[in-house]
C-alpha atoms as a PDB file:
ATOM      1  CA  MET A   1      11.206   2.043   7.877  1.00  0.00           C
ATOM      2  CA  PHE A   2      10.434   3.264  11.577  1.00  0.00           C
ATOM      3  CA  GLU A   3      11.140   6.667  11.271  1.00  0.00           C
ATOM      4  CA  ILE A   4       8.643   9.389  11.696  1.00  0.00           C
ATOM      5  CA  THR A   5       9.308  12.672   9.280  1.00  0.00           C
ATOM      6  CA  LYS A   6       9.116  15.738  11.034  1.00  0.00           C
ATOM      7  CA  LYS A   7       6.894  16.687   8.778  1.00  0.00           C
ATOM      8  CA  LEU A   8       3.121  15.022   9.394  1.00  0.00           C
ATOM      9  CA  PRO A   9      -0.084  15.890   7.240  1.00  0.00           C
ATOM     10  CA  GLY A  10      -1.092  19.330   8.473  1.00  0.00           C
ATOM     11  CA  GLN A  11       2.100  20.573   9.165  1.00  0.00           C
ATOM     12  CA  ASP A  12       3.809  21.751   5.910  1.00  0.00           C
ATOM     13  CA  ALA A  13       3.605  25.598   4.740  1.00  0.00           C
ATOM     14  CA  ILE A  14       1.039  24.942   2.146  1.00  0.00           C
ATOM     15  CA  GLN A  15      -1.554  22.879   4.634  1.00  0.00           C
ATOM     16  CA  GLN A  16      -0.811  25.707   7.280  1.00  0.00           C
ATOM     17  CA  TYR A  17      -1.283  28.587   4.380  1.00  0.00           C
ATOM     18  CA  MET A  18      -4.290  26.771   2.977  1.00  0.00           C
ATOM     19  CA  THR A  19      -6.470  25.860   6.249  1.00  0.00           C
ATOM     20  CA  PRO A  20      -7.065  29.636   7.300  1.00  0.00           C
ATOM     21  CA  LEU A  21      -7.689  30.041   3.842  1.00  0.00           C
ATOM     22  CA  MET A  22     -10.552  27.222   3.485  1.00  0.00           C
ATOM     23  CA  LEU A  23     -12.157  27.659   6.666  1.00  0.00           C
ATOM     24  CA  ARG A  24     -12.024  31.583   5.915  1.00  0.00           C
ATOM     25  CA  LYS A  25     -14.071  30.676   2.348  1.00  0.00           C
ATOM     26  CA  ARG A  26     -16.482  28.310   4.253  1.00  0.00           C
ATOM     27  CA  GLU A  27     -17.339  31.059   6.693  1.00  0.00           C
ATOM     28  CA  VAL A  28     -17.676  33.710   3.592  1.00  0.00           C
ATOM     29  CA  LYS A  29     -20.126  31.422   2.117  1.00  0.00           C
ATOM     30  CA  ARG A  30     -22.117  30.830   5.088  1.00  0.00           C
ATOM     31  CA  MET A  31     -21.981  34.204   5.321  1.00  0.00           C
ATOM     32  CA  ILE A  32     -23.195  34.806   2.176  1.00  0.00           C
ATOM     33  CA  ALA A  33     -26.085  31.839   2.612  1.00  0.00           C
ATOM     34  CA  GLU A  34     -27.113  33.606   5.631  1.00  0.00           C
ATOM     35  CA  GLN A  35     -27.715  36.935   3.880  1.00  0.00           C
ATOM     36  CA  VAL A  36     -29.822  35.490   0.646  1.00  0.00           C
ATOM     37  CA  LYS A  37     -31.799  33.992   3.887  1.00  0.00           C
ATOM     38  CA  GLN A  38     -32.202  37.186   5.777  1.00  0.00           C
ATOM     39  CA  GLU A  39     -33.398  39.054   1.857  1.00  0.00           C
ATOM     40  CA  GLU A  40     -35.600  36.337   1.314  1.00  0.00           C
ATOM     41  CA  ARG A  41     -37.316  36.253   4.482  1.00  0.00           C
ATOM     42  CA  ALA A  42     -37.357  40.403   4.346  1.00  0.00           C
ATOM     43  CA  ILE A  43     -38.950  40.046   1.162  1.00  0.00           C
ATOM     44  CA  ALA A  44     -41.227  36.925   2.443  1.00  0.00           C
ATOM     45  CA  ASP A  45     -42.311  39.444   5.651  1.00  0.00           C
ATOM     46  CA  GLU A  46     -42.898  42.753   3.190  1.00  0.00           C
ATOM     47  CA  LYS A  47     -45.081  40.404   0.989  1.00  0.00           C
ATOM     48  CA  PHE A  48     -46.982  39.582   4.133  1.00  0.00           C
ATOM     49  CA  ARG A  49     -47.240  43.168   5.824  1.00  0.00           C
ATOM     50  CA  VAL A  50     -48.575  44.273   1.769  1.00  0.00           C
ATOM     51  CA  LYS A  51     -50.920  41.235   2.063  1.00  0.00           C
ATOM     52  CA  ARG A  52     -52.004  41.778   5.179  1.00  0.00           C
ATOM     53  CA  ALA A  53     -52.315  45.845   4.637  1.00  0.00           C
ATOM     54  CA  GLN A  54     -54.683  44.756   1.597  1.00  0.00           C
ATOM     55  CA  GLN A  55     -56.586  42.253   3.752  1.00  0.00           C
ATOM     56  CA  GLN A  56     -57.476  44.661   6.601  1.00  0.00           C
ATOM     57  CA  GLN A  57     -58.611  47.709   4.063  1.00  0.00           C
ATOM     58  CA  ALA A  58     -61.415  44.932   2.660  1.00  0.00           C
ATOM     59  CA  TRP A  59     -62.452  44.002   5.985  1.00  0.00           C
ATOM     60  CA  LYS A  60     -62.805  47.891   6.713  1.00  0.00           C
ATOM     61  CA  LYS A  61     -64.816  48.518   3.317  1.00  0.00           C
ATOM     62  CA  ALA A  62     -67.018  45.553   4.393  1.00  0.00           C
ATOM     63  CA  ARG A  63     -67.879  46.554   7.415  1.00  0.00           C
ATOM     64  CA  ARG A  64     -68.304  49.860   6.709  1.00  0.00           C
ATOM     65  CA  GLU A  65     -70.559  48.703   3.632  1.00  0.00           C
ATOM     66  CA  LYS A  66     -72.387  46.427   6.429  1.00  0.00           C
ATOM     67  CA  ASN A  67     -72.491  49.605   8.753  1.00  0.00           C
ATOM     68  CA  ARG A  68     -74.042  51.473   5.756  1.00  0.00           C
ATOM     69  CA  GLU A  69     -76.444  48.975   5.559  1.00  0.00           C
ATOM     70  CA  LEU A  70     -77.481  48.657   8.765  1.00  0.00           C
ATOM     71  CA  THR A  71     -77.875  52.435   9.200  1.00  0.00           C
ATOM     72  CA  LEU A  72     -80.175  52.561   6.193  1.00  0.00           C
ATOM     73  CA  LYS A  73     -82.117  49.874   7.397  1.00  0.00           C
ATOM     74  CA  ARG A  74     -82.550  51.540  10.832  1.00  0.00           C
ATOM     75  CA  GLN A  75     -83.334  54.558   9.279  1.00  0.00           C
ATOM     76  CA  ALA A  76     -85.353  53.257   6.866  1.00  0.00           C
ATOM     77  CA  ALA A  77     -87.600  51.351  10.006  1.00  0.00           C
ATOM     78  CA  GLU A  78     -87.666  54.998  11.745  1.00  0.00           C
ATOM     79  CA  LEU A  79     -89.048  56.524   9.186  1.00  0.00           C
ATOM     80  CA  ALA A  80     -91.375  53.925   8.356  1.00  0.00           C
ATOM     81  CA  GLU A  81     -92.430  54.407  12.164  1.00  0.00           C
ATOM     82  CA  LYS A  82     -92.939  58.161  12.018  1.00  0.00           C
ATOM     83  CA  ARG A  83     -94.942  58.179   8.819  1.00  0.00           C
ATOM     84  CA  LYS A  84     -97.092  55.601  10.635  1.00  0.00           C
ATOM     85  CA  ARG A  85     -97.465  57.432  14.143  1.00  0.00           C
ATOM     86  CA  ALA A  86     -98.131  60.598  11.598  1.00  0.00           C
ATOM     87  CA  GLU A  87    -100.851  58.793  10.335  1.00  0.00           C
ATOM     88  CA  GLU A  88    -102.367  57.862  13.565  1.00  0.00           C
ATOM     89  CA  ILE A  89    -102.022  61.234  14.368  1.00  0.00           C
ATOM     90  CA  GLU A  90    -103.901  62.674  11.505  1.00  0.00           C
ATOM     91  CA  LYS A  91    -106.110  59.638  11.876  1.00  0.00           C
ATOM     92  CA  LEU A  92    -106.823  60.539  15.293  1.00  0.00           C
ATOM     93  CA  LYS A  93    -107.486  64.358  14.614  1.00  0.00           C
ATOM     94  CA  LYS A  94    -109.824  63.359  11.835  1.00  0.00           C
ATOM     95  CA  GLU A  95    -112.262  61.246  14.125  1.00  0.00           C
ATOM     96  CA  ALA A  96    -111.787  64.239  16.877  1.00  0.00           C
ATOM     97  CA  LEU A  97    -112.686  66.321  14.549  1.00  0.00           C
ATOM     98  CA  GLU A  98    -115.859  64.010  12.933  1.00  0.00           C
ATOM     99  CA  LEU A  99    -116.768  63.610  16.565  1.00  0.00           C
ATOM    100  CA  ARG A 100    -117.034  67.329  17.277  1.00  0.00           C
ATOM    101  CA  ALA A 101    -118.703  67.997  14.067  1.00  0.00           C
ATOM    102  CA  ASN A 102    -121.588  65.431  15.311  1.00  0.00           C
ATOM    103  CA  LYS A 103    -121.717  66.620  18.578  1.00  0.00           C
ATOM    104  CA  LYS A 104    -122.387  69.882  17.054  1.00  0.00           C
ATOM    105  CA  ARG A 105    -124.954  68.386  14.731  1.00  0.00           C
ATOM    106  CA  GLU A 106    -126.952  66.706  17.588  1.00  0.00           C
ATOM    107  CA  ALA A 107    -126.677  69.645  19.108  1.00  0.00           C
ATOM    108  CA  ALA A 108    -128.375  71.898  16.616  1.00  0.00           C
ATOM    109  CA  LYS A 109    -130.879  69.149  15.659  1.00  0.00           C
ATOM    110  CA  LYS A 110    -131.841  69.309  19.606  1.00  0.00           C
ATOM    111  CA  GLU A 111    -132.206  72.830  19.729  1.00  0.00           C
ATOM    112  CA  MET A 112    -134.312  72.783  16.701  1.00  0.00           C
ATOM    113  CA  GLN A 113    -136.519  70.168  17.988  1.00  0.00           C
ATOM    114  CA  LEU A 114    -136.765  72.565  20.813  1.00  0.00           C
ATOM    115  CA  LEU A 115    -137.753  75.498  18.248  1.00  0.00           C
ATOM    116  CA  ARG A 116    -140.133  73.447  16.478  1.00  0.00           C
ATOM    117  CA  TYR A 117    -142.055  72.110  19.581  1.00  0.00           C
ATOM    118  CA  ASN A 118    -141.597  75.971  21.705  1.00  0.00           C
ATOM    119  CA  LYS A 119    -143.202  77.669  19.416  1.00  0.00           C
END
């Protein structure tokens, strides 16, 4: 009754064979689970990269459109300013022409009056 057997649990042949096998099996399961996680991370990263690239393309397109709108507005403002200056120059030319014509008319009137009085 008080004898201790020489075959304690864990020391028999089956357990000596099964223990490394079970540890290896557990390690393989852990490695497989890690590989699955890495694949899922890789897929998620790829989806993120694709989504980010699409988002950047959308941002670039919006920025190009905005810059195009600003350029068109600036060009329209410059054209309006150019037309306004051209109209002002044309108006000044007409006024100068009218002023010269009036001076010539006045000079012609004076000469006519001088000719009438000098007769």
